[in-house]
Every structure is written in C-alpha cells, then in structure tokens.
Amino acid sequence: MAISIAWHLFCGRRGIIPLDHCIVYDGAYRLCRGQVIYRDFFSSTGLVPMLMQVPFFNLLGFTWFSYVLHAALTTGAVVLLSYRVLRLMGGSVNASMFFGLLSASTGPITFGVPYLESYGYFFLLIAMWSILEAAAKPRGVACCSLWIASGTALVLSFLSKQNP
C-alpha cells in the first residue's frame, strides 16, 4: 500500500487535463466556499468525490498536493480491498497480493487525481467486499449491517459516476 501511495504522489504531479481533472477540484472548492450544489452551481456527475475532497481542502488548503493525496489514499484503499476480496473468493495469499497491487493501476493513479470512474470502481469494490463478507458470516446484526453497507456502497458508486 505504501508503494502504491508513493507512486501515486509521484505520478499525480505530472500534469493536468483541464476538462477532466478540474471537475472534482472545482466542485469541492465551491462546496468549501459555502456554495450548494444544484443551487449555486451544477455538476452532472461526481458528487461523492467532491464531498470526499472537502475535508482534504479544509485540512491542507486548496493545494494540488491535498488533491493528489486524496486520490493516493483512495488508491491505497483500493489495493487493500482488492486483496481482501480476492482472499474471500479463495485466492492464494501470493496471487491476491499480486493482483491487489495490480489493481492500483485501475484506481485514481491512472489520472493522478480524484476521478469519477475511479470512485465508481472504489465503491463497487466496497459493495463486493461487503457482500462476500456477509455471505461468510452467520445470520445476525453483523451480517445485516454488511448487506446494508453493500447497498449503500452501490448508491455511492452511482453518485460518483452515473454509469459505472
């Protein structure tokens, strides 16, 4: 995970694609300034990544580093979740570790910043993990909570990018 985050912080500073990289940045900036989405500004997509970026801007300021750090930490979570999902599906430790690390290439690292498709994937991965964990547990409060978490993650995935 540390290698994934370090690599991401390195790659995230390579450049900017103005039409794509600014969707989450601009939305989170506006939310930090007290604007309300759909009342003060419009965004057709990316509500959840914008809301997830707001605490990073509040803690670290409106810097490119805080923007890239958010994506780097999410990529680290994707690596851990991928590993856990593969283990729950019966993968060996080595194969799960290898493909978990490989999953970092499908996360935000491909763009270097919080990106809509990456967060759709991230929340789909959370939904998959919670379904597999729920299926492995006996009936009870923990099992029910995991099923609720899977539905919540699917809704968050939809609100990250409407066509995941």
N, C-alpha and C. Protein backbone atom coordinates (compact mmCIF):
# COMPACT_ATOMS: atom_id res chain seq x y z
N MET A 1 0.83 -1.19 0.00
CA MET A 1 0.00 0.00 0.00
C MET A 1 0.87 1.26 0.00
N ALA A 2 1.95 1.25 0.78
CA ALA A 2 2.83 2.41 0.84
C ALA A 2 3.46 2.69 -0.52
N ILE A 3 3.84 1.64 -1.23
CA ILE A 3 4.42 1.81 -2.56
C ILE A 3 3.39 2.43 -3.50
N SER A 4 2.16 1.96 -3.40
CA SER A 4 1.08 2.49 -4.24
C SER A 4 0.87 3.98 -3.98
N ILE A 5 0.83 4.36 -2.72
CA ILE A 5 0.61 5.77 -2.37
C ILE A 5 1.79 6.63 -2.83
N ALA A 6 3.01 6.15 -2.59
CA ALA A 6 4.19 6.92 -3.01
C ALA A 6 4.24 7.09 -4.52
N TRP A 7 3.95 6.03 -5.25
CA TRP A 7 3.95 6.10 -6.71
C TRP A 7 2.87 7.06 -7.19
N HIS A 8 1.73 7.02 -6.53
CA HIS A 8 0.63 7.90 -6.90
C HIS A 8 0.99 9.36 -6.67
N LEU A 9 1.61 9.66 -5.53
CA LEU A 9 2.01 11.04 -5.26
C LEU A 9 3.03 11.53 -6.29
N PHE A 10 3.86 10.64 -6.77
CA PHE A 10 4.82 11.00 -7.81
C PHE A 10 4.10 11.25 -9.14
N CYS A 11 3.22 10.33 -9.54
CA CYS A 11 2.54 10.43 -10.84
C CYS A 11 1.51 11.56 -10.88
N GLY A 12 0.90 11.84 -9.73
CA GLY A 12 -0.16 12.84 -9.69
C GLY A 12 0.31 14.25 -9.97
N ARG A 13 1.60 14.49 -9.97
CA ARG A 13 2.14 15.83 -10.19
C ARG A 13 2.68 16.01 -11.60
N ARG A 14 2.38 15.08 -12.50
CA ARG A 14 2.93 15.14 -13.85
C ARG A 14 2.30 16.22 -14.72
N GLY A 15 1.04 16.52 -14.52
CA GLY A 15 0.38 17.50 -15.37
C GLY A 15 -1.11 17.53 -15.10
N ILE A 16 -1.82 18.22 -15.95
CA ILE A 16 -3.26 18.39 -15.75
C ILE A 16 -3.99 18.29 -17.08
N ILE A 17 -5.13 17.67 -17.05
CA ILE A 17 -6.05 17.65 -18.18
C ILE A 17 -7.21 18.56 -17.77
N PRO A 18 -7.25 19.81 -18.24
CA PRO A 18 -8.17 20.80 -17.69
C PRO A 18 -9.65 20.41 -17.70
N LEU A 19 -10.11 19.74 -18.73
CA LEU A 19 -11.54 19.42 -18.79
C LEU A 19 -11.93 18.32 -17.82
N ASP A 20 -11.02 17.42 -17.49
CA ASP A 20 -11.35 16.30 -16.62
C ASP A 20 -10.88 16.47 -15.19
N HIS A 21 -9.68 16.92 -14.99
CA HIS A 21 -9.11 16.97 -13.65
C HIS A 21 -9.74 18.04 -12.77
N CYS A 22 -10.41 18.98 -13.35
CA CYS A 22 -10.95 20.10 -12.57
C CYS A 22 -12.38 19.88 -12.09
N ILE A 23 -13.03 18.80 -12.52
CA ILE A 23 -14.43 18.57 -12.14
C ILE A 23 -14.54 18.46 -10.61
N VAL A 24 -13.79 17.56 -10.02
CA VAL A 24 -13.86 17.35 -8.58
C VAL A 24 -13.23 18.52 -7.83
N TYR A 25 -12.11 19.03 -8.33
CA TYR A 25 -11.42 20.14 -7.66
C TYR A 25 -12.34 21.35 -7.56
N ASP A 26 -12.93 21.75 -8.67
CA ASP A 26 -13.79 22.93 -8.69
C ASP A 26 -15.02 22.73 -7.81
N GLY A 27 -15.63 21.55 -7.91
CA GLY A 27 -16.81 21.29 -7.09
C GLY A 27 -16.51 21.32 -5.61
N ALA A 28 -15.41 20.70 -5.20
CA ALA A 28 -15.03 20.69 -3.79
C ALA A 28 -14.67 22.10 -3.32
N TYR A 29 -13.98 22.86 -4.18
CA TYR A 29 -13.64 24.24 -3.84
C TYR A 29 -14.91 25.06 -3.59
N ARG A 30 -15.87 24.90 -4.47
CA ARG A 30 -17.13 25.64 -4.31
C ARG A 30 -17.87 25.22 -3.05
N LEU A 31 -17.87 23.92 -2.75
CA LEU A 31 -18.53 23.45 -1.52
C LEU A 31 -17.84 24.01 -0.29
N CYS A 32 -16.51 24.08 -0.31
CA CYS A 32 -15.76 24.66 0.82
C CYS A 32 -16.08 26.14 1.00
N ARG A 33 -16.39 26.82 -0.07
CA ARG A 33 -16.70 28.25 -0.02
C ARG A 33 -18.16 28.52 0.34
N GLY A 34 -18.91 27.46 0.65
CA GLY A 34 -20.29 27.63 1.11
C GLY A 34 -21.35 27.54 0.03
N GLN A 35 -20.95 27.29 -1.19
CA GLN A 35 -21.95 27.13 -2.24
C GLN A 35 -22.63 25.77 -2.10
N VAL A 36 -23.82 25.69 -2.62
CA VAL A 36 -24.61 24.46 -2.55
C VAL A 36 -24.78 23.93 -3.97
N ILE A 37 -24.46 22.64 -4.13
CA ILE A 37 -24.56 22.04 -5.46
C ILE A 37 -26.02 22.02 -5.91
N TYR A 38 -26.22 22.25 -7.17
CA TYR A 38 -27.51 22.32 -7.87
C TYR A 38 -28.30 23.59 -7.54
N ARG A 39 -27.88 24.34 -6.53
CA ARG A 39 -28.49 25.65 -6.30
C ARG A 39 -27.56 26.74 -6.82
N ASP A 40 -26.27 26.67 -6.42
CA ASP A 40 -25.30 27.69 -6.80
C ASP A 40 -24.45 27.29 -8.00
N PHE A 41 -24.29 26.00 -8.22
CA PHE A 41 -23.54 25.52 -9.38
C PHE A 41 -24.06 24.15 -9.77
N PHE A 42 -23.76 23.75 -10.97
CA PHE A 42 -24.27 22.49 -11.49
C PHE A 42 -23.12 21.55 -11.81
N SER A 43 -23.32 20.29 -11.49
CA SER A 43 -22.39 19.25 -11.89
C SER A 43 -23.22 18.04 -12.27
N SER A 44 -22.99 17.53 -13.46
CA SER A 44 -23.77 16.39 -13.90
C SER A 44 -23.30 15.09 -13.27
N THR A 45 -22.14 15.11 -12.65
CA THR A 45 -21.59 13.90 -12.07
C THR A 45 -20.55 14.24 -11.02
N GLY A 46 -20.15 13.26 -10.23
CA GLY A 46 -19.04 13.44 -9.31
C GLY A 46 -19.37 14.00 -7.94
N LEU A 47 -20.61 13.88 -7.49
CA LEU A 47 -20.99 14.46 -6.21
C LEU A 47 -20.20 13.84 -5.05
N VAL A 48 -20.09 12.54 -5.00
CA VAL A 48 -19.40 11.88 -3.88
C VAL A 48 -17.91 12.21 -3.86
N PRO A 49 -17.18 12.12 -4.99
CA PRO A 49 -15.77 12.52 -4.92
C PRO A 49 -15.57 13.98 -4.48
N MET A 50 -16.50 14.85 -4.88
CA MET A 50 -16.40 16.25 -4.44
C MET A 50 -16.53 16.34 -2.92
N LEU A 51 -17.52 15.65 -2.39
CA LEU A 51 -17.75 15.68 -0.94
C LEU A 51 -16.59 15.04 -0.18
N MET A 52 -15.97 14.02 -0.77
CA MET A 52 -14.83 13.37 -0.13
C MET A 52 -13.59 14.27 -0.17
N GLN A 53 -13.50 15.17 -1.14
CA GLN A 53 -12.35 16.06 -1.27
C GLN A 53 -12.41 17.22 -0.28
N VAL A 54 -13.61 17.61 0.13
CA VAL A 54 -13.79 18.77 1.00
C VAL A 54 -12.95 18.69 2.28
N PRO A 55 -12.93 17.57 3.02
CA PRO A 55 -12.09 17.55 4.23
C PRO A 55 -10.59 17.73 3.95
N PHE A 56 -10.13 17.24 2.82
CA PHE A 56 -8.71 17.40 2.46
C PHE A 56 -8.41 18.88 2.22
N PHE A 57 -9.31 19.59 1.55
CA PHE A 57 -9.11 21.02 1.33
C PHE A 57 -9.19 21.77 2.66
N ASN A 58 -10.11 21.38 3.52
CA ASN A 58 -10.25 22.07 4.80
C ASN A 58 -9.02 21.87 5.68
N LEU A 59 -8.41 20.68 5.64
CA LEU A 59 -7.24 20.39 6.48
C LEU A 59 -5.93 20.90 5.88
N LEU A 60 -5.78 20.76 4.56
CA LEU A 60 -4.49 21.02 3.93
C LEU A 60 -4.48 22.23 2.99
N GLY A 61 -5.62 22.87 2.84
CA GLY A 61 -5.71 24.03 1.96
C GLY A 61 -6.00 23.62 0.52
N PHE A 62 -6.22 24.62 -0.30
CA PHE A 62 -6.56 24.40 -1.71
C PHE A 62 -5.29 24.22 -2.53
N THR A 63 -4.61 23.12 -2.28
CA THR A 63 -3.36 22.85 -2.98
C THR A 63 -3.50 21.61 -3.84
N TRP A 64 -2.62 21.51 -4.82
CA TRP A 64 -2.62 20.33 -5.68
C TRP A 64 -2.20 19.11 -4.87
N PHE A 65 -1.31 19.30 -3.87
CA PHE A 65 -0.89 18.19 -3.02
C PHE A 65 -2.08 17.59 -2.28
N SER A 66 -2.95 18.41 -1.71
CA SER A 66 -4.11 17.88 -0.98
C SER A 66 -5.04 17.14 -1.93
N TYR A 67 -5.10 17.60 -3.16
CA TYR A 67 -5.92 16.95 -4.18
C TYR A 67 -5.35 15.58 -4.54
N VAL A 68 -4.06 15.51 -4.77
CA VAL A 68 -3.39 14.26 -5.14
C VAL A 68 -3.34 13.30 -3.95
N LEU A 69 -3.15 13.83 -2.74
CA LEU A 69 -3.12 12.97 -1.55
C LEU A 69 -4.43 12.22 -1.37
N HIS A 70 -5.53 12.89 -1.59
CA HIS A 70 -6.85 12.26 -1.51
C HIS A 70 -6.92 11.06 -2.45
N ALA A 71 -6.50 11.24 -3.68
CA ALA A 71 -6.53 10.15 -4.65
C ALA A 71 -5.54 9.05 -4.27
N ALA A 72 -4.39 9.42 -3.72
CA ALA A 72 -3.39 8.43 -3.32
C ALA A 72 -3.91 7.54 -2.20
N LEU A 73 -4.56 8.12 -1.22
CA LEU A 73 -5.11 7.33 -0.12
C LEU A 73 -6.23 6.42 -0.60
N THR A 74 -7.03 6.91 -1.53
CA THR A 74 -8.09 6.07 -2.10
C THR A 74 -7.49 4.90 -2.87
N THR A 75 -6.41 5.15 -3.59
CA THR A 75 -5.74 4.07 -4.31
C THR A 75 -5.20 3.03 -3.33
N GLY A 76 -4.65 3.47 -2.21
CA GLY A 76 -4.20 2.53 -1.18
C GLY A 76 -5.34 1.68 -0.66
N ALA A 77 -6.51 2.29 -0.47
CA ALA A 77 -7.68 1.53 -0.03
C ALA A 77 -8.13 0.54 -1.09
N VAL A 78 -8.02 0.91 -2.37
CA VAL A 78 -8.37 0.00 -3.46
C VAL A 78 -7.47 -1.23 -3.43
N VAL A 79 -6.19 -1.02 -3.17
CA VAL A 79 -5.25 -2.15 -3.09
C VAL A 79 -5.64 -3.10 -1.96
N LEU A 80 -5.92 -2.56 -0.79
CA LEU A 80 -6.30 -3.40 0.35
C LEU A 80 -7.63 -4.11 0.12
N LEU A 81 -8.60 -3.40 -0.43
CA LEU A 81 -9.91 -4.01 -0.71
C LEU A 81 -9.80 -5.10 -1.76
N SER A 82 -9.01 -4.86 -2.78
CA SER A 82 -8.82 -5.87 -3.83
C SER A 82 -8.22 -7.13 -3.24
N TYR A 83 -7.22 -6.96 -2.41
CA TYR A 83 -6.59 -8.11 -1.76
C TYR A 83 -7.62 -8.89 -0.95
N ARG A 84 -8.39 -8.17 -0.14
CA ARG A 84 -9.37 -8.84 0.73
C ARG A 84 -10.45 -9.54 -0.09
N VAL A 85 -10.95 -8.92 -1.13
CA VAL A 85 -11.97 -9.54 -1.98
C VAL A 85 -11.42 -10.81 -2.62
N LEU A 86 -10.21 -10.75 -3.12
CA LEU A 86 -9.62 -11.93 -3.74
C LEU A 86 -9.40 -13.05 -2.73
N ARG A 87 -9.02 -12.71 -1.52
CA ARG A 87 -8.87 -13.73 -0.48
C ARG A 87 -10.21 -14.35 -0.13
N LEU A 88 -11.26 -13.52 -0.05
CA LEU A 88 -12.60 -14.05 0.26
C LEU A 88 -13.12 -14.95 -0.87
N MET A 89 -12.64 -14.72 -2.08
CA MET A 89 -13.07 -15.55 -3.21
C MET A 89 -12.20 -16.79 -3.37
N GLY A 90 -11.28 -17.02 -2.43
CA GLY A 90 -10.49 -18.24 -2.44
C GLY A 90 -9.12 -18.11 -3.07
N GLY A 91 -8.67 -16.91 -3.34
CA GLY A 91 -7.35 -16.72 -3.93
C GLY A 91 -6.24 -16.98 -2.92
N SER A 92 -5.10 -17.42 -3.42
CA SER A 92 -3.95 -17.64 -2.53
C SER A 92 -3.42 -16.28 -2.06
N VAL A 93 -2.61 -16.32 -1.03
CA VAL A 93 -2.04 -15.07 -0.49
C VAL A 93 -1.20 -14.38 -1.55
N ASN A 94 -0.34 -15.13 -2.22
CA ASN A 94 0.54 -14.51 -3.22
C ASN A 94 -0.23 -13.95 -4.41
N ALA A 95 -1.17 -14.73 -4.93
CA ALA A 95 -1.96 -14.25 -6.08
C ALA A 95 -2.79 -13.04 -5.68
N SER A 96 -3.40 -13.08 -4.51
CA SER A 96 -4.23 -11.96 -4.05
C SER A 96 -3.38 -10.71 -3.86
N MET A 97 -2.17 -10.89 -3.32
CA MET A 97 -1.28 -9.75 -3.13
C MET A 97 -0.85 -9.16 -4.49
N PHE A 98 -0.49 -10.03 -5.43
CA PHE A 98 -0.06 -9.57 -6.74
C PHE A 98 -1.18 -8.81 -7.45
N PHE A 99 -2.37 -9.39 -7.50
CA PHE A 99 -3.47 -8.74 -8.20
C PHE A 99 -4.02 -7.55 -7.41
N GLY A 100 -3.88 -7.57 -6.09
CA GLY A 100 -4.24 -6.41 -5.29
C GLY A 100 -3.37 -5.22 -5.64
N LEU A 101 -2.06 -5.47 -5.75
CA LEU A 101 -1.15 -4.39 -6.16
C LEU A 101 -1.42 -3.96 -7.60
N LEU A 102 -1.72 -4.91 -8.45
CA LEU A 102 -2.03 -4.60 -9.85
C LEU A 102 -3.29 -3.74 -9.96
N SER A 103 -4.21 -3.91 -9.01
CA SER A 103 -5.46 -3.13 -9.05
C SER A 103 -5.21 -1.64 -8.85
N ALA A 104 -4.05 -1.28 -8.32
CA ALA A 104 -3.74 0.15 -8.16
C ALA A 104 -3.70 0.84 -9.51
N SER A 105 -3.39 0.10 -10.56
CA SER A 105 -3.33 0.72 -11.89
C SER A 105 -4.71 1.05 -12.43
N THR A 106 -5.77 0.48 -11.84
CA THR A 106 -7.12 0.82 -12.29
C THR A 106 -7.76 1.89 -11.42
N GLY A 107 -7.08 2.26 -10.35
CA GLY A 107 -7.62 3.28 -9.46
C GLY A 107 -7.29 4.68 -9.95
N PRO A 108 -7.36 5.65 -9.07
CA PRO A 108 -7.10 7.03 -9.45
C PRO A 108 -5.70 7.27 -10.00
N ILE A 109 -4.80 6.31 -9.81
CA ILE A 109 -3.42 6.52 -10.26
C ILE A 109 -3.33 6.73 -11.76
N THR A 110 -4.28 6.20 -12.52
CA THR A 110 -4.24 6.39 -13.97
C THR A 110 -4.40 7.85 -14.35
N PHE A 111 -5.05 8.63 -13.50
CA PHE A 111 -5.24 10.05 -13.76
C PHE A 111 -4.42 10.91 -12.81
N GLY A 112 -4.08 10.39 -11.66
CA GLY A 112 -3.28 11.11 -10.69
C GLY A 112 -4.07 11.97 -9.73
N VAL A 113 -5.37 12.10 -9.97
CA VAL A 113 -6.22 12.93 -9.13
C VAL A 113 -7.54 12.19 -8.89
N PRO A 114 -8.36 12.67 -7.95
CA PRO A 114 -9.67 12.04 -7.78
C PRO A 114 -10.46 12.11 -9.09
N TYR A 115 -10.85 10.97 -9.59
CA TYR A 115 -11.53 10.92 -10.87
C TYR A 115 -12.80 10.09 -10.74
N LEU A 116 -13.80 10.46 -11.48
CA LEU A 116 -15.15 9.92 -11.30
C LEU A 116 -15.22 8.40 -11.46
N GLU A 117 -14.66 7.86 -12.53
CA GLU A 117 -14.73 6.42 -12.76
C GLU A 117 -13.99 5.65 -11.66
N SER A 118 -12.91 6.21 -11.18
CA SER A 118 -12.14 5.55 -10.13
C SER A 118 -12.96 5.39 -8.86
N TYR A 119 -13.77 6.39 -8.54
CA TYR A 119 -14.58 6.31 -7.34
C TYR A 119 -15.80 5.42 -7.54
N GLY A 120 -16.32 5.37 -8.76
CA GLY A 120 -17.36 4.39 -9.07
C GLY A 120 -16.85 2.98 -8.83
N TYR A 121 -15.63 2.71 -9.30
CA TYR A 121 -14.98 1.42 -9.10
C TYR A 121 -14.71 1.16 -7.62
N PHE A 122 -14.21 2.14 -6.91
CA PHE A 122 -13.90 2.02 -5.49
C PHE A 122 -15.13 1.59 -4.70
N PHE A 123 -16.26 2.24 -4.93
CA PHE A 123 -17.46 1.89 -4.18
C PHE A 123 -18.06 0.56 -4.63
N LEU A 124 -17.90 0.20 -5.91
CA LEU A 124 -18.32 -1.13 -6.34
C LEU A 124 -17.48 -2.20 -5.66
N LEU A 125 -16.22 -1.92 -5.46
CA LEU A 125 -15.34 -2.85 -4.77
C LEU A 125 -15.76 -2.99 -3.30
N ILE A 126 -16.14 -1.89 -2.68
CA ILE A 126 -16.64 -1.95 -1.30
C ILE A 126 -17.91 -2.79 -1.24
N ALA A 127 -18.81 -2.62 -2.21
CA ALA A 127 -20.04 -3.40 -2.25
C ALA A 127 -19.73 -4.89 -2.40
N MET A 128 -18.78 -5.21 -3.28
CA MET A 128 -18.40 -6.61 -3.48
C MET A 128 -17.82 -7.20 -2.20
N TRP A 129 -16.94 -6.44 -1.54
CA TRP A 129 -16.34 -6.90 -0.30
C TRP A 129 -17.42 -7.16 0.76
N SER A 130 -18.35 -6.23 0.93
CA SER A 130 -19.36 -6.39 1.98
C SER A 130 -20.30 -7.55 1.68
N ILE A 131 -20.60 -7.81 0.41
CA ILE A 131 -21.44 -8.96 0.05
C ILE A 131 -20.71 -10.26 0.38
N LEU A 132 -19.44 -10.34 0.01
CA LEU A 132 -18.67 -11.56 0.30
C LEU A 132 -18.50 -11.78 1.79
N GLU A 133 -18.25 -10.71 2.54
CA GLU A 133 -18.15 -10.84 4.00
C GLU A 133 -19.48 -11.27 4.60
N ALA A 134 -20.59 -10.70 4.12
CA ALA A 134 -21.90 -11.05 4.65
C ALA A 134 -22.24 -12.51 4.36
N ALA A 135 -21.86 -12.98 3.18
CA ALA A 135 -22.15 -14.37 2.81
C ALA A 135 -21.35 -15.35 3.68
N ALA A 136 -20.21 -14.92 4.20
CA ALA A 136 -19.36 -15.79 5.01
C ALA A 136 -19.75 -15.78 6.49
N LYS A 137 -20.60 -14.85 6.90
CA LYS A 137 -20.96 -14.72 8.31
C LYS A 137 -22.30 -15.40 8.58
N PRO A 138 -22.47 -15.88 9.82
CA PRO A 138 -23.80 -16.40 10.18
C PRO A 138 -24.78 -15.24 10.30
N ARG A 139 -26.03 -15.57 10.20
CA ARG A 139 -27.07 -14.53 10.31
C ARG A 139 -26.93 -13.79 11.63
N GLY A 140 -27.17 -12.50 11.59
CA GLY A 140 -27.08 -11.69 12.80
C GLY A 140 -26.93 -10.22 12.44
N VAL A 141 -26.62 -9.43 13.43
CA VAL A 141 -26.51 -7.99 13.25
C VAL A 141 -25.36 -7.65 12.30
N ALA A 142 -24.22 -8.31 12.45
CA ALA A 142 -23.07 -8.03 11.60
C ALA A 142 -23.38 -8.35 10.14
N CYS A 143 -24.04 -9.46 9.92
CA CYS A 143 -24.41 -9.85 8.56
C CYS A 143 -25.37 -8.84 7.94
N CYS A 144 -26.37 -8.44 8.71
CA CYS A 144 -27.35 -7.47 8.23
C CYS A 144 -26.68 -6.13 7.94
N SER A 145 -25.76 -5.73 8.79
CA SER A 145 -25.05 -4.46 8.58
C SER A 145 -24.23 -4.49 7.29
N LEU A 146 -23.62 -5.63 7.01
CA LEU A 146 -22.84 -5.76 5.78
C LEU A 146 -23.73 -5.70 4.53
N TRP A 147 -24.90 -6.30 4.60
CA TRP A 147 -25.82 -6.21 3.46
C TRP A 147 -26.28 -4.77 3.24
N ILE A 148 -26.55 -4.04 4.31
CA ILE A 148 -26.92 -2.63 4.21
C ILE A 148 -25.75 -1.82 3.65
N ALA A 149 -24.54 -2.14 4.09
CA ALA A 149 -23.35 -1.44 3.59
C ALA A 149 -23.17 -1.67 2.10
N SER A 150 -23.49 -2.87 1.62
CA SER A 150 -23.34 -3.13 0.19
C SER A 150 -24.30 -2.27 -0.63
N GLY A 151 -25.52 -2.13 -0.17
CA GLY A 151 -26.47 -1.27 -0.88
C GLY A 151 -26.07 0.19 -0.83
N THR A 152 -25.57 0.62 0.32
CA THR A 152 -25.10 2.00 0.45
C THR A 152 -23.93 2.27 -0.48
N ALA A 153 -23.01 1.30 -0.56
CA ALA A 153 -21.85 1.47 -1.45
C ALA A 153 -22.28 1.54 -2.91
N LEU A 154 -23.30 0.79 -3.29
CA LEU A 154 -23.79 0.86 -4.67
C LEU A 154 -24.40 2.22 -4.98
N VAL A 155 -25.12 2.78 -4.02
CA VAL A 155 -25.68 4.12 -4.21
C VAL A 155 -24.55 5.15 -4.33
N LEU A 156 -23.53 5.05 -3.47
CA LEU A 156 -22.39 5.97 -3.55
C LEU A 156 -21.64 5.81 -4.87
N SER A 157 -21.57 4.59 -5.36
CA SER A 157 -20.94 4.36 -6.67
C SER A 157 -21.71 5.08 -7.76
N PHE A 158 -23.02 4.98 -7.72
CA PHE A 158 -23.86 5.66 -8.71
C PHE A 158 -23.70 7.17 -8.62
N LEU A 159 -23.62 7.69 -7.40
CA LEU A 159 -23.48 9.13 -7.24
C LEU A 159 -22.07 9.65 -7.53
N SER A 160 -21.11 8.73 -7.66
CA SER A 160 -19.76 9.10 -8.06
C SER A 160 -19.68 9.26 -9.57
N LYS A 161 -20.25 8.33 -10.26
CA LYS A 161 -20.28 8.33 -11.73
C LYS A 161 -21.50 7.54 -12.14
N GLN A 162 -22.42 8.17 -12.84
CA GLN A 162 -23.71 7.56 -13.08
C GLN A 162 -23.69 6.36 -14.01
N ASN A 163 -22.56 6.08 -14.63
CA ASN A 163 -22.51 4.90 -15.49
C ASN A 163 -21.37 3.96 -15.15
N PRO A 164 -21.23 3.59 -13.84
CA PRO A 164 -20.14 2.65 -13.53
C PRO A 164 -20.53 1.30 -14.04
